[in-house]
PDB file of all heavy atoms in Angstrom:
ATOM      1  N   ARG A   1     -28.191   5.362   3.867  1.00  0.00           N
ATOM      2  CA  ARG A   1     -26.989   5.292   3.037  1.00  0.00           C
ATOM      3  C   ARG A   1     -26.376   3.898   3.186  1.00  0.00           C
ATOM      4  O   ARG A   1     -26.763   3.133   4.055  1.00  0.00           O
ATOM      5  CB  ARG A   1     -25.940   6.329   3.470  1.00  0.00           C
ATOM      6  CG  ARG A   1     -26.395   7.766   3.415  1.00  0.00           C
ATOM      7  CD  ARG A   1     -25.260   8.692   3.784  1.00  0.00           C
ATOM      8  NE  ARG A   1     -25.680  10.084   3.851  1.00  0.00           N
ATOM      9  CZ  ARG A   1     -24.862  11.090   4.113  1.00  0.00           C
ATOM     10  NH1 ARG A   1     -23.579  10.848   4.333  1.00  0.00           N
ATOM     11  NH2 ARG A   1     -25.309  12.323   4.155  1.00  0.00           N
ATOM     12  N   PHE A   2     -25.378   3.609   2.332  1.00  0.00           N
ATOM     13  CA  PHE A   2     -24.610   2.381   2.509  1.00  0.00           C
ATOM     14  C   PHE A   2     -23.836   2.456   3.823  1.00  0.00           C
ATOM     15  O   PHE A   2     -23.454   3.539   4.275  1.00  0.00           O
ATOM     16  CB  PHE A   2     -23.615   2.197   1.360  1.00  0.00           C
ATOM     17  CG  PHE A   2     -24.252   2.031   0.009  1.00  0.00           C
ATOM     18  CD1 PHE A   2     -24.123   3.024  -0.952  1.00  0.00           C
ATOM     19  CD2 PHE A   2     -24.976   0.887  -0.309  1.00  0.00           C
ATOM     20  CE1 PHE A   2     -24.690   2.876  -2.204  1.00  0.00           C
ATOM     21  CE2 PHE A   2     -25.555   0.731  -1.556  1.00  0.00           C
ATOM     22  CZ  PHE A   2     -25.422   1.729  -2.503  1.00  0.00           C
ATOM     23  N   THR A   3     -23.584   1.325   4.423  1.00  0.00           N
ATOM     24  CA  THR A   3     -22.711   1.291   5.591  1.00  0.00           C
ATOM     25  C   THR A   3     -21.322   1.779   5.192  1.00  0.00           C
ATOM     26  O   THR A   3     -20.738   1.293   4.217  1.00  0.00           O
ATOM     27  CB  THR A   3     -22.597  -0.146   6.140  1.00  0.00           C
ATOM     28  OG1 THR A   3     -23.883  -0.578   6.582  1.00  0.00           O
ATOM     29  CG2 THR A   3     -21.609  -0.218   7.292  1.00  0.00           C
ATOM     30  N   ASN A   4     -20.816   2.743   5.916  1.00  0.00           N
ATOM     31  CA  ASN A   4     -19.493   3.295   5.618  1.00  0.00           C
ATOM     32  C   ASN A   4     -18.435   2.345   6.173  1.00  0.00           C
ATOM     33  O   ASN A   4     -18.062   2.430   7.340  1.00  0.00           O
ATOM     34  CB  ASN A   4     -19.362   4.689   6.240  1.00  0.00           C
ATOM     35  CG  ASN A   4     -18.062   5.366   5.845  1.00  0.00           C
ATOM     36  OD1 ASN A   4     -17.495   5.049   4.807  1.00  0.00           O
ATOM     37  ND2 ASN A   4     -17.592   6.277   6.673  1.00  0.00           N
ATOM     38  N   ALA A   5     -17.959   1.427   5.328  1.00  0.00           N
ATOM     39  CA  ALA A   5     -17.134   0.314   5.796  1.00  0.00           C
ATOM     40  C   ALA A   5     -15.655   0.436   5.444  1.00  0.00           C
ATOM     41  O   ALA A   5     -14.918  -0.529   5.597  1.00  0.00           O
ATOM     42  CB  ALA A   5     -17.684  -0.998   5.227  1.00  0.00           C
ATOM     43  N   HIS A   6     -15.225   1.599   4.972  1.00  0.00           N
ATOM     44  CA  HIS A   6     -13.822   1.714   4.629  1.00  0.00           C
ATOM     45  C   HIS A   6     -13.314   3.132   4.866  1.00  0.00           C
ATOM     46  O   HIS A   6     -14.092   4.079   4.985  1.00  0.00           O
ATOM     47  CB  HIS A   6     -13.584   1.338   3.158  1.00  0.00           C
ATOM     48  CG  HIS A   6     -13.982   2.415   2.192  1.00  0.00           C
ATOM     49  ND1 HIS A   6     -15.267   2.606   1.767  1.00  0.00           N
ATOM     50  CD2 HIS A   6     -13.235   3.382   1.571  1.00  0.00           C
ATOM     51  CE1 HIS A   6     -15.317   3.626   0.926  1.00  0.00           C
ATOM     52  NE2 HIS A   6     -14.088   4.113   0.797  1.00  0.00           N
ATOM     53  N   GLU A   7     -11.997   3.252   4.939  1.00  0.00           N
ATOM     54  CA  GLU A   7     -11.318   4.534   4.908  1.00  0.00           C
ATOM     55  C   GLU A   7     -10.238   4.445   3.832  1.00  0.00           C
ATOM     56  O   GLU A   7      -9.852   3.352   3.409  1.00  0.00           O
ATOM     57  CB  GLU A   7     -10.718   4.889   6.276  1.00  0.00           C
ATOM     58  CG  GLU A   7     -11.792   5.154   7.321  1.00  0.00           C
ATOM     59  CD  GLU A   7     -11.239   5.620   8.664  1.00  0.00           C
ATOM     60  OE1 GLU A   7     -10.153   6.249   8.666  1.00  0.00           O
ATOM     61  OE2 GLU A   7     -11.882   5.341   9.688  1.00  0.00           O
ATOM     62  N   THR A   8      -9.756   5.593   3.390  1.00  0.00           N
ATOM     63  CA  THR A   8      -8.775   5.644   2.313  1.00  0.00           C
ATOM     64  C   THR A   8      -7.460   6.217   2.814  1.00  0.00           C
ATOM     65  O   THR A   8      -7.441   7.215   3.538  1.00  0.00           O
ATOM     66  CB  THR A   8      -9.301   6.506   1.147  1.00  0.00           C
ATOM     67  OG1 THR A   8     -10.519   5.936   0.656  1.00  0.00           O
ATOM     68  CG2 THR A   8      -8.282   6.577   0.015  1.00  0.00           C
ATOM     69  N   LEU A   9      -6.368   5.566   2.448  1.00  0.00           N
ATOM     70  CA  LEU A   9      -5.035   6.078   2.725  1.00  0.00           C
ATOM     71  C   LEU A   9      -4.385   6.488   1.409  1.00  0.00           C
ATOM     72  O   LEU A   9      -4.512   5.773   0.404  1.00  0.00           O
ATOM     73  CB  LEU A   9      -4.151   5.031   3.402  1.00  0.00           C
ATOM     74  CG  LEU A   9      -4.591   4.497   4.763  1.00  0.00           C
ATOM     75  CD1 LEU A   9      -5.343   3.189   4.597  1.00  0.00           C
ATOM     76  CD2 LEU A   9      -3.381   4.286   5.676  1.00  0.00           C
ATOM     77  N   ILE A  10      -3.708   7.615   1.405  1.00  0.00           N
ATOM     78  CA  ILE A  10      -2.911   8.046   0.260  1.00  0.00           C
ATOM     79  C   ILE A  10      -1.443   7.904   0.639  1.00  0.00           C
ATOM     80  O   ILE A  10      -1.005   8.383   1.690  1.00  0.00           O
ATOM     81  CB  ILE A  10      -3.212   9.503  -0.125  1.00  0.00           C
ATOM     82  CG1 ILE A  10      -4.671   9.645  -0.583  1.00  0.00           C
ATOM     83  CG2 ILE A  10      -2.265   9.970  -1.240  1.00  0.00           C
ATOM     84  CD1 ILE A  10      -5.080  11.087  -0.850  1.00  0.00           C
ATOM     85  N   TRP A  11      -0.703   7.219  -0.216  1.00  0.00           N
ATOM     86  CA  TRP A  11       0.745   7.077  -0.040  1.00  0.00           C
ATOM     87  C   TRP A  11       1.403   7.895  -1.142  1.00  0.00           C
ATOM     88  O   TRP A  11       1.137   7.670  -2.328  1.00  0.00           O
ATOM     89  CB  TRP A  11       1.136   5.605  -0.141  1.00  0.00           C
ATOM     90  CG  TRP A  11       2.604   5.316  -0.053  1.00  0.00           C
ATOM     91  CD1 TRP A  11       3.538   5.988   0.687  1.00  0.00           C
ATOM     92  CD2 TRP A  11       3.312   4.265  -0.728  1.00  0.00           C
ATOM     93  NE1 TRP A  11       4.779   5.424   0.510  1.00  0.00           N
ATOM     94  CE2 TRP A  11       4.668   4.366  -0.343  1.00  0.00           C
ATOM     95  CE3 TRP A  11       2.920   3.257  -1.609  1.00  0.00           C
ATOM     96  CZ2 TRP A  11       5.641   3.485  -0.823  1.00  0.00           C
ATOM     97  CZ3 TRP A  11       3.889   2.380  -2.088  1.00  0.00           C
ATOM     98  CH2 TRP A  11       5.228   2.498  -1.688  1.00  0.00           C
ATOM     99  N   ALA A  12       2.220   8.863  -0.746  1.00  0.00           N
ATOM    100  CA  ALA A  12       2.793   9.790  -1.726  1.00  0.00           C
ATOM    101  C   ALA A  12       4.277  10.020  -1.466  1.00  0.00           C
ATOM    102  O   ALA A  12       4.716  10.117  -0.318  1.00  0.00           O
ATOM    103  CB  ALA A  12       2.058  11.125  -1.684  1.00  0.00           C
ATOM    104  N   ALA A  13       5.043  10.096  -2.555  1.00  0.00           N
ATOM    105  CA  ALA A  13       6.436  10.510  -2.472  1.00  0.00           C
ATOM    106  C   ALA A  13       6.481  12.030  -2.313  1.00  0.00           C
ATOM    107  O   ALA A  13       5.500  12.734  -2.574  1.00  0.00           O
ATOM    108  CB  ALA A  13       7.192  10.080  -3.723  1.00  0.00           C
ATOM    109  N   LYS A  14       7.638  12.530  -1.909  1.00  0.00           N
ATOM    110  CA  LYS A  14       7.765  13.974  -1.685  1.00  0.00           C
ATOM    111  C   LYS A  14       7.620  14.754  -2.987  1.00  0.00           C
ATOM    112  O   LYS A  14       7.081  15.859  -2.998  1.00  0.00           O
ATOM    113  CB  LYS A  14       9.114  14.270  -1.027  1.00  0.00           C
ATOM    114  CG  LYS A  14       9.297  15.730  -0.640  1.00  0.00           C
ATOM    115  CD  LYS A  14      10.612  15.938   0.093  1.00  0.00           C
ATOM    116  CE  LYS A  14      10.799  17.394   0.466  1.00  0.00           C
ATOM    117  NZ  LYS A  14      12.080  17.624   1.189  1.00  0.00           N
ATOM    118  N   SER A  15       8.070  14.158  -4.105  1.00  0.00           N
ATOM    119  CA  SER A  15       7.967  14.855  -5.384  1.00  0.00           C
ATOM    120  C   SER A  15       7.993  13.852  -6.524  1.00  0.00           C
ATOM    121  O   SER A  15       8.411  12.697  -6.366  1.00  0.00           O
ATOM    122  CB  SER A  15       9.111  15.857  -5.557  1.00  0.00           C
ATOM    123  OG  SER A  15      10.323  15.173  -5.802  1.00  0.00           O
ATOM    124  N   ALA A  16       7.562  14.312  -7.703  1.00  0.00           N
ATOM    125  CA  ALA A  16       7.571  13.460  -8.893  1.00  0.00           C
ATOM    126  C   ALA A  16       9.001  13.172  -9.352  1.00  0.00           C
ATOM    127  O   ALA A  16       9.258  12.147  -9.989  1.00  0.00           O
ATOM    128  CB  ALA A  16       6.793  14.127 -10.012  1.00  0.00           C
ATOM    129  N   GLU A  17       9.938  14.064  -9.046  1.00  0.00           N
ATOM    130  CA  GLU A  17      11.325  13.900  -9.469  1.00  0.00           C
ATOM    131  C   GLU A  17      12.128  13.022  -8.525  1.00  0.00           C
ATOM    132  O   GLU A  17      13.309  12.744  -8.762  1.00  0.00           O
ATOM    133  CB  GLU A  17      12.017  15.271  -9.574  1.00  0.00           C
ATOM    134  CG  GLU A  17      11.443  16.186 -10.644  1.00  0.00           C
ATOM    135  CD  GLU A  17      10.114  16.807 -10.243  1.00  0.00           C
ATOM    136  OE1 GLU A  17       9.905  17.022  -9.029  1.00  0.00           O
ATOM    137  OE2 GLU A  17       9.269  17.043 -11.130  1.00  0.00           O
ATOM    138  N   GLN A  18      11.507  12.568  -7.463  1.00  0.00           N
ATOM    139  CA  GLN A  18      12.200  11.800  -6.432  1.00  0.00           C
ATOM    140  C   GLN A  18      12.804  10.518  -7.021  1.00  0.00           C
ATOM    141  O   GLN A  18      12.123   9.735  -7.667  1.00  0.00           O
ATOM    142  CB  GLN A  18      11.199  11.447  -5.325  1.00  0.00           C
ATOM    143  CG  GLN A  18      11.806  10.893  -4.061  1.00  0.00           C
ATOM    144  CD  GLN A  18      10.803  10.909  -2.924  1.00  0.00           C
ATOM    145  OE1 GLN A  18      10.005  11.838  -2.799  1.00  0.00           O
ATOM    146  NE2 GLN A  18      10.830   9.884  -2.089  1.00  0.00           N
ATOM    147  N   LYS A  19      14.086  10.306  -6.785  1.00  0.00           N
ATOM    148  CA  LYS A  19      14.775   9.169  -7.386  1.00  0.00           C
ATOM    149  C   LYS A  19      14.566   7.874  -6.610  1.00  0.00           C
ATOM    150  O   LYS A  19      14.672   6.781  -7.168  1.00  0.00           O
ATOM    151  CB  LYS A  19      16.272   9.471  -7.493  1.00  0.00           C
ATOM    152  CG  LYS A  19      16.584  10.607  -8.464  1.00  0.00           C
ATOM    153  CD  LYS A  19      18.078  10.844  -8.582  1.00  0.00           C
ATOM    154  CE  LYS A  19      18.377  11.946  -9.584  1.00  0.00           C
ATOM    155  NZ  LYS A  19      19.840  12.202  -9.699  1.00  0.00           N
ATOM    156  N   SER A  20      14.292   7.976  -5.314  1.00  0.00           N
ATOM    157  CA  SER A  20      14.135   6.755  -4.531  1.00  0.00           C
ATOM    158  C   SER A  20      13.207   7.006  -3.345  1.00  0.00           C
ATOM    159  O   SER A  20      13.067   8.128  -2.864  1.00  0.00           O
ATOM    160  CB  SER A  20      15.493   6.262  -4.029  1.00  0.00           C
ATOM    161  OG  SER A  20      16.059   7.188  -3.115  1.00  0.00           O
ATOM    162  N   TYR A  21      12.568   5.954  -2.922  1.00  0.00           N
ATOM    163  CA  TYR A  21      11.769   5.946  -1.698  1.00  0.00           C
ATOM    164  C   TYR A  21      11.756   4.510  -1.206  1.00  0.00           C
ATOM    165  O   TYR A  21      12.043   3.570  -1.969  1.00  0.00           O
ATOM    166  CB  TYR A  21      10.343   6.457  -1.939  1.00  0.00           C
ATOM    167  CG  TYR A  21       9.593   5.704  -3.010  1.00  0.00           C
ATOM    168  CD1 TYR A  21       8.871   4.549  -2.726  1.00  0.00           C
ATOM    169  CD2 TYR A  21       9.615   6.148  -4.340  1.00  0.00           C
ATOM    170  CE1 TYR A  21       8.206   3.861  -3.720  1.00  0.00           C
ATOM    171  CE2 TYR A  21       8.946   5.462  -5.332  1.00  0.00           C
ATOM    172  CZ  TYR A  21       8.244   4.321  -5.020  1.00  0.00           C
ATOM    173  OH  TYR A  21       7.586   3.623  -6.004  1.00  0.00           O
ATOM    174  N   THR A  22      11.445   4.308   0.051  1.00  0.00           N
ATOM    175  CA  THR A  22      11.476   2.963   0.614  1.00  0.00           C
ATOM    176  C   THR A  22      10.166   2.239   0.353  1.00  0.00           C
ATOM    177  O   THR A  22       9.093   2.758   0.665  1.00  0.00           O
ATOM    178  CB  THR A  22      11.732   3.019   2.136  1.00  0.00           C
ATOM    179  OG1 THR A  22      13.014   3.607   2.369  1.00  0.00           O
ATOM    180  CG2 THR A  22      11.711   1.625   2.741  1.00  0.00           C
ATOM    181  N   PHE A  23      10.280   1.062  -0.238  1.00  0.00           N
ATOM    182  CA  PHE A  23       9.135   0.152  -0.341  1.00  0.00           C
ATOM    183  C   PHE A  23       9.657  -1.261  -0.169  1.00  0.00           C
ATOM    184  O   PHE A  23      10.379  -1.777  -1.024  1.00  0.00           O
ATOM    185  CB  PHE A  23       8.408   0.287  -1.675  1.00  0.00           C
ATOM    186  CG  PHE A  23       7.251  -0.681  -1.810  1.00  0.00           C
ATOM    187  CD1 PHE A  23       6.343  -0.841  -0.783  1.00  0.00           C
ATOM    188  CD2 PHE A  23       7.090  -1.424  -2.964  1.00  0.00           C
ATOM    189  CE1 PHE A  23       5.281  -1.729  -0.890  1.00  0.00           C
ATOM    190  CE2 PHE A  23       6.020  -2.316  -3.095  1.00  0.00           C
ATOM    191  CZ  PHE A  23       5.120  -2.469  -2.047  1.00  0.00           C
ATOM    192  N   ASN A  24       9.319  -1.885   0.943  1.00  0.00           N
ATOM    193  CA  ASN A  24       9.781  -3.233   1.242  1.00  0.00           C
ATOM    194  C   ASN A  24       8.825  -4.250   0.614  1.00  0.00           C
ATOM    195  O   ASN A  24       8.035  -4.911   1.291  1.00  0.00           O
ATOM    196  CB  ASN A  24       9.883  -3.415   2.753  1.00  0.00           C
ATOM    197  CG  ASN A  24      10.912  -2.483   3.364  1.00  0.00           C
ATOM    198  OD1 ASN A  24      12.003  -2.306   2.829  1.00  0.00           O
ATOM    199  ND2 ASN A  24      10.573  -1.865   4.477  1.00  0.00           N
ATOM    200  N   TYR A  25       8.940  -4.360  -0.705  1.00  0.00           N
ATOM    201  CA  TYR A  25       8.026  -5.203  -1.473  1.00  0.00           C
ATOM    202  C   TYR A  25       8.065  -6.653  -1.004  1.00  0.00           C
ATOM    203  O   TYR A  25       7.023  -7.281  -0.800  1.00  0.00           O
ATOM    204  CB  TYR A  25       8.388  -5.122  -2.959  1.00  0.00           C
ATOM    205  CG  TYR A  25       7.694  -6.150  -3.815  1.00  0.00           C
ATOM    206  CD1 TYR A  25       6.392  -5.951  -4.255  1.00  0.00           C
ATOM    207  CD2 TYR A  25       8.340  -7.330  -4.193  1.00  0.00           C
ATOM    208  CE1 TYR A  25       5.741  -6.901  -5.046  1.00  0.00           C
ATOM    209  CE2 TYR A  25       7.705  -8.276  -4.970  1.00  0.00           C
ATOM    210  CZ  TYR A  25       6.410  -8.062  -5.395  1.00  0.00           C
ATOM    211  OH  TYR A  25       5.770  -9.003  -6.153  1.00  0.00           O
ATOM    212  N   GLU A  26       9.258  -7.204  -0.849  1.00  0.00           N
ATOM    213  CA  GLU A  26       9.377  -8.606  -0.464  1.00  0.00           C
ATOM    214  C   GLU A  26       8.814  -8.843   0.937  1.00  0.00           C
ATOM    215  O   GLU A  26       8.223  -9.897   1.211  1.00  0.00           O
ATOM    216  CB  GLU A  26      10.843  -9.058  -0.521  1.00  0.00           C
ATOM    217  CG  GLU A  26      11.463  -9.009  -1.907  1.00  0.00           C
ATOM    218  CD  GLU A  26      10.839 -10.018  -2.865  1.00  0.00           C
ATOM    219  OE1 GLU A  26      10.187 -10.961  -2.396  1.00  0.00           O
ATOM    220  OE2 GLU A  26      11.012  -9.847  -4.092  1.00  0.00           O
ATOM    221  N   ALA A  27       8.975  -7.862   1.833  1.00  0.00           N
ATOM    222  CA  ALA A  27       8.416  -7.997   3.183  1.00  0.00           C
ATOM    223  C   ALA A  27       6.895  -8.011   3.150  1.00  0.00           C
ATOM    224  O   ALA A  27       6.244  -8.773   3.871  1.00  0.00           O
ATOM    225  CB  ALA A  27       8.920  -6.859   4.073  1.00  0.00           C
ATOM    226  N   MET A  28       6.307  -7.168   2.311  1.00  0.00           N
ATOM    227  CA  MET A  28       4.858  -7.147   2.174  1.00  0.00           C
ATOM    228  C   MET A  28       4.348  -8.455   1.564  1.00  0.00           C
ATOM    229  O   MET A  28       3.298  -8.978   1.962  1.00  0.00           O
ATOM    230  CB  MET A  28       4.418  -5.972   1.299  1.00  0.00           C
ATOM    231  CG  MET A  28       4.574  -4.612   1.942  1.00  0.00           C
ATOM    232  SD  MET A  28       3.484  -4.372   3.387  1.00  0.00           S
ATOM    233  CE  MET A  28       4.627  -4.775   4.732  1.00  0.00           C
ATOM    234  N   LYS A  29       5.099  -8.991   0.635  1.00  0.00           N
ATOM    235  CA  LYS A  29       4.717 -10.260   0.020  1.00  0.00           C
ATOM    236  C   LYS A  29       4.793 -11.384   1.050  1.00  0.00           C
ATOM    237  O   LYS A  29       3.904 -12.244   1.119  1.00  0.00           O
ATOM    238  CB  LYS A  29       5.636 -10.546  -1.167  1.00  0.00           C
ATOM    239  CG  LYS A  29       5.202 -11.711  -2.041  1.00  0.00           C
ATOM    240  CD  LYS A  29       6.106 -11.826  -3.262  1.00  0.00           C
ATOM    241  CE  LYS A  29       5.704 -13.025  -4.117  1.00  0.00           C
ATOM    242  NZ  LYS A  29       6.597 -13.160  -5.301  1.00  0.00           N
ATOM    243  N   ALA A  30       5.851 -11.379   1.863  1.00  0.00           N
ATOM    244  CA  ALA A  30       5.995 -12.386   2.912  1.00  0.00           C
ATOM    245  C   ALA A  30       4.875 -12.280   3.939  1.00  0.00           C
ATOM    246  O   ALA A  30       4.345 -13.294   4.422  1.00  0.00           O
ATOM    247  CB  ALA A  30       7.356 -12.235   3.595  1.00  0.00           C
ATOM    248  N   LEU A  31       4.493 -11.046   4.266  1.00  0.00           N
ATOM    249  CA  LEU A  31       3.413 -10.819   5.232  1.00  0.00           C
ATOM    250  C   LEU A  31       2.083 -11.350   4.708  1.00  0.00           C
ATOM    251  O   LEU A  31       1.178 -11.672   5.481  1.00  0.00           O
ATOM    252  CB  LEU A  31       3.304  -9.318   5.518  1.00  0.00           C
ATOM    253  CG  LEU A  31       2.531  -8.862   6.746  1.00  0.00           C
ATOM    254  CD1 LEU A  31       3.241  -9.300   8.023  1.00  0.00           C
ATOM    255  CD2 LEU A  31       2.365  -7.353   6.750  1.00  0.00           C
ATOM    256  N   ASN A  32       1.980 -11.469   3.381  1.00  0.00           N
ATOM    257  CA  ASN A  32       0.738 -11.865   2.725  1.00  0.00           C
ATOM    258  C   ASN A  32       0.827 -13.277   2.134  1.00  0.00           C
ATOM    259  O   ASN A  32       0.245 -13.560   1.087  1.00  0.00           O
ATOM    260  CB  ASN A  32       0.418 -10.852   1.613  1.00  0.00           C
ATOM    261  CG  ASN A  32      -1.040 -10.883   1.202  1.00  0.00           C
ATOM    262  OD1 ASN A  32      -1.929 -11.035   2.026  1.00  0.00           O
ATOM    263  ND2 ASN A  32      -1.287 -10.728  -0.089  1.00  0.00           N
ATOM    264  N   GLU A  33       1.582 -14.169   2.806  1.00  0.00           N
ATOM    265  CA  GLU A  33       1.727 -15.565   2.398  1.00  0.00           C
ATOM    266  C   GLU A  33       2.238 -15.703   0.961  1.00  0.00           C
ATOM    267  O   GLU A  33       1.724 -16.479   0.153  1.00  0.00           O
ATOM    268  CB  GLU A  33       0.417 -16.340   2.583  1.00  0.00           C
ATOM    269  CG  GLU A  33       0.006 -16.487   4.040  1.00  0.00           C
ATOM    270  CD  GLU A  33      -1.152 -17.445   4.242  1.00  0.00           C
ATOM    271  OE1 GLU A  33      -1.920 -17.670   3.282  1.00  0.00           O
ATOM    272  OE2 GLU A  33      -1.262 -17.974   5.352  1.00  0.00           O
ATOM    273  N   GLU A  34       3.287 -14.907   0.666  1.00  0.00           N
ATOM    274  CA  GLU A  34       3.984 -14.960  -0.618  1.00  0.00           C
ATOM    275  C   GLU A  34       3.115 -14.571  -1.816  1.00  0.00           C
ATOM    276  O   GLU A  34       3.402 -14.953  -2.954  1.00  0.00           O
ATOM    277  CB  GLU A  34       4.607 -16.350  -0.856  1.00  0.00           C
ATOM    278  CG  GLU A  34       5.705 -16.696   0.144  1.00  0.00           C
ATOM    279  CD  GLU A  34       6.803 -15.644   0.217  1.00  0.00           C
ATOM    280  OE1 GLU A  34       7.178 -15.105  -0.844  1.00  0.00           O
ATOM    281  OE2 GLU A  34       7.268 -15.336   1.330  1.00  0.00           O
ATOM    282  N   VAL A  35       2.067 -13.820  -1.553  1.00  0.00           N
ATOM    283  CA  VAL A  35       1.236 -13.253  -2.613  1.00  0.00           C
ATOM    284  C   VAL A  35       1.441 -11.746  -2.605  1.00  0.00           C
ATOM    285  O   VAL A  35       1.444 -11.119  -1.539  1.00  0.00           O
ATOM    286  CB  VAL A  35      -0.253 -13.589  -2.418  1.00  0.00           C
ATOM    287  CG1 VAL A  35      -1.096 -12.934  -3.517  1.00  0.00           C
ATOM    288  CG2 VAL A  35      -0.461 -15.100  -2.423  1.00  0.00           C
ATOM    289  N   GLN A  36       1.593 -11.137  -3.783  1.00  0.00           N
ATOM    290  CA  GLN A  36       1.812  -9.695  -3.866  1.00  0.00           C
ATOM    291  C   GLN A  36       0.727  -8.943  -3.097  1.00  0.00           C
ATOM    292  O   GLN A  36      -0.466  -9.192  -3.279  1.00  0.00           O
ATOM    293  CB  GLN A  36       1.817  -9.272  -5.328  1.00  0.00           C
ATOM    294  CG  GLN A  36       2.191  -7.820  -5.549  1.00  0.00           C
ATOM    295  CD  GLN A  36       2.210  -7.474  -7.026  1.00  0.00           C
ATOM    296  OE1 GLN A  36       1.171  -7.431  -7.668  1.00  0.00           O
ATOM    297  NE2 GLN A  36       3.392  -7.232  -7.569  1.00  0.00           N
ATOM    298  N   MET A  37       1.148  -8.026  -2.225  1.00  0.00           N
ATOM    299  CA  MET A  37       0.198  -7.257  -1.417  1.00  0.00           C
ATOM    300  C   MET A  37      -0.602  -6.309  -2.303  1.00  0.00           C
ATOM    301  O   MET A  37      -0.050  -5.573  -3.111  1.00  0.00           O
ATOM    302  CB  MET A  37       0.945  -6.457  -0.344  1.00  0.00           C
ATOM    303  CG  MET A  37       0.043  -5.689   0.603  1.00  0.00           C
ATOM    304  SD  MET A  37      -0.790  -6.730   1.816  1.00  0.00           S
ATOM    305  CE  MET A  37       0.564  -7.065   2.967  1.00  0.00           C
ATOM    306  N   ARG A  38      -1.923  -6.347  -2.140  1.00  0.00           N
ATOM    307  CA  ARG A  38      -2.810  -5.490  -2.923  1.00  0.00           C
ATOM    308  C   ARG A  38      -3.081  -4.182  -2.191  1.00  0.00           C
ATOM    309  O   ARG A  38      -2.696  -3.996  -1.042  1.00  0.00           O
ATOM    310  CB  ARG A  38      -4.135  -6.219  -3.177  1.00  0.00           C
ATOM    311  CG  ARG A  38      -3.996  -7.421  -4.079  1.00  0.00           C
ATOM    312  CD  ARG A  38      -5.196  -8.358  -3.979  1.00  0.00           C
ATOM    313  NE  ARG A  38      -6.470  -7.678  -3.847  1.00  0.00           N
ATOM    314  CZ  ARG A  38      -7.519  -7.889  -4.646  1.00  0.00           C
ATOM    315  NH1 ARG A  38      -7.428  -8.731  -5.658  1.00  0.00           N
ATOM    316  NH2 ARG A  38      -8.666  -7.272  -4.427  1.00  0.00           N
ATOM    317  N   SER A  39      -3.787  -3.294  -2.879  1.00  0.00           N
ATOM    318  CA  SER A  39      -4.075  -1.977  -2.311  1.00  0.00           C
ATOM    319  C   SER A  39      -5.418  -1.939  -1.581  1.00  0.00           C
ATOM    320  O   SER A  39      -5.897  -0.857  -1.244  1.00  0.00           O
ATOM    321  CB  SER A  39      -4.072  -0.909  -3.410  1.00  0.00           C
ATOM    322  OG  SER A  39      -5.068  -1.182  -4.372  1.00  0.00           O
ATOM    323  N   ASP A  40      -6.030  -3.096  -1.336  1.00  0.00           N
ATOM    324  CA  ASP A  40      -7.203  -3.144  -0.470  1.00  0.00           C
ATOM    325  C   ASP A  40      -6.867  -4.025   0.730  1.00  0.00           C
ATOM    326  O   ASP A  40      -6.549  -5.192   0.572  1.00  0.00           O
ATOM    327  CB  ASP A  40      -8.444  -3.663  -1.218  1.00  0.00           C
ATOM    328  CG  ASP A  40      -8.195  -4.971  -1.956  1.00  0.00           C
ATOM    329  OD1 ASP A  40      -7.015  -5.286  -2.242  1.00  0.00           O
ATOM    330  OD2 ASP A  40      -9.166  -5.680  -2.245  1.00  0.00           O
ATOM    331  N   TRP A  41      -6.901  -3.425   1.893  1.00  0.00           N
ATOM    332  CA  TRP A  41      -6.474  -4.092   3.118  1.00  0.00           C
ATOM    333  C   TRP A  41      -7.689  -4.358   4.002  1.00  0.00           C
ATOM    334  O   TRP A  41      -8.419  -3.426   4.372  1.00  0.00           O
ATOM    335  CB  TRP A  41      -5.485  -3.224   3.885  1.00  0.00           C
ATOM    336  CG  TRP A  41      -4.222  -2.918   3.158  1.00  0.00           C
ATOM    337  CD1 TRP A  41      -3.806  -3.424   1.961  1.00  0.00           C
ATOM    338  CD2 TRP A  41      -3.189  -2.013   3.583  1.00  0.00           C
ATOM    339  NE1 TRP A  41      -2.584  -2.906   1.625  1.00  0.00           N
ATOM    340  CE2 TRP A  41      -2.176  -2.040   2.585  1.00  0.00           C
ATOM    341  CE3 TRP A  41      -3.021  -1.200   4.703  1.00  0.00           C
ATOM    342  CZ2 TRP A  41      -1.025  -1.272   2.688  1.00  0.00           C
ATOM    343  CZ3 TRP A  41      -1.875  -0.435   4.806  1.00  0.00           C
ATOM    344  CH2 TRP A  41      -0.883  -0.467   3.811  1.00  0.00           C
ATOM    345  N   THR A  42      -7.900  -5.618   4.346  1.00  0.00           N
ATOM    346  CA  THR A  42      -9.013  -5.988   5.210  1.00  0.00           C
ATOM    347  C   THR A  42      -8.492  -6.176   6.626  1.00  0.00           C
ATOM    348  O   THR A  42      -7.774  -7.139   6.915  1.00  0.00           O
ATOM    349  CB  THR A  42      -9.679  -7.286   4.709  1.00  0.00           C
ATOM    350  OG1 THR A  42     -10.117  -7.095   3.359  1.00  0.00           O
ATOM    351  CG2 THR A  42     -10.871  -7.643   5.573  1.00  0.00           C
TER     352      THR A  42
END
């Protein structure tokens, strides 16, 4: 088989009707040298 080189994380809000949840977008961008953080993490 292919080398199993990844795992998957699911990030989910409690419900579709949820009005707010925490996402520190600017902090993630800063952590990634001012580039928007993508959904593939090496």
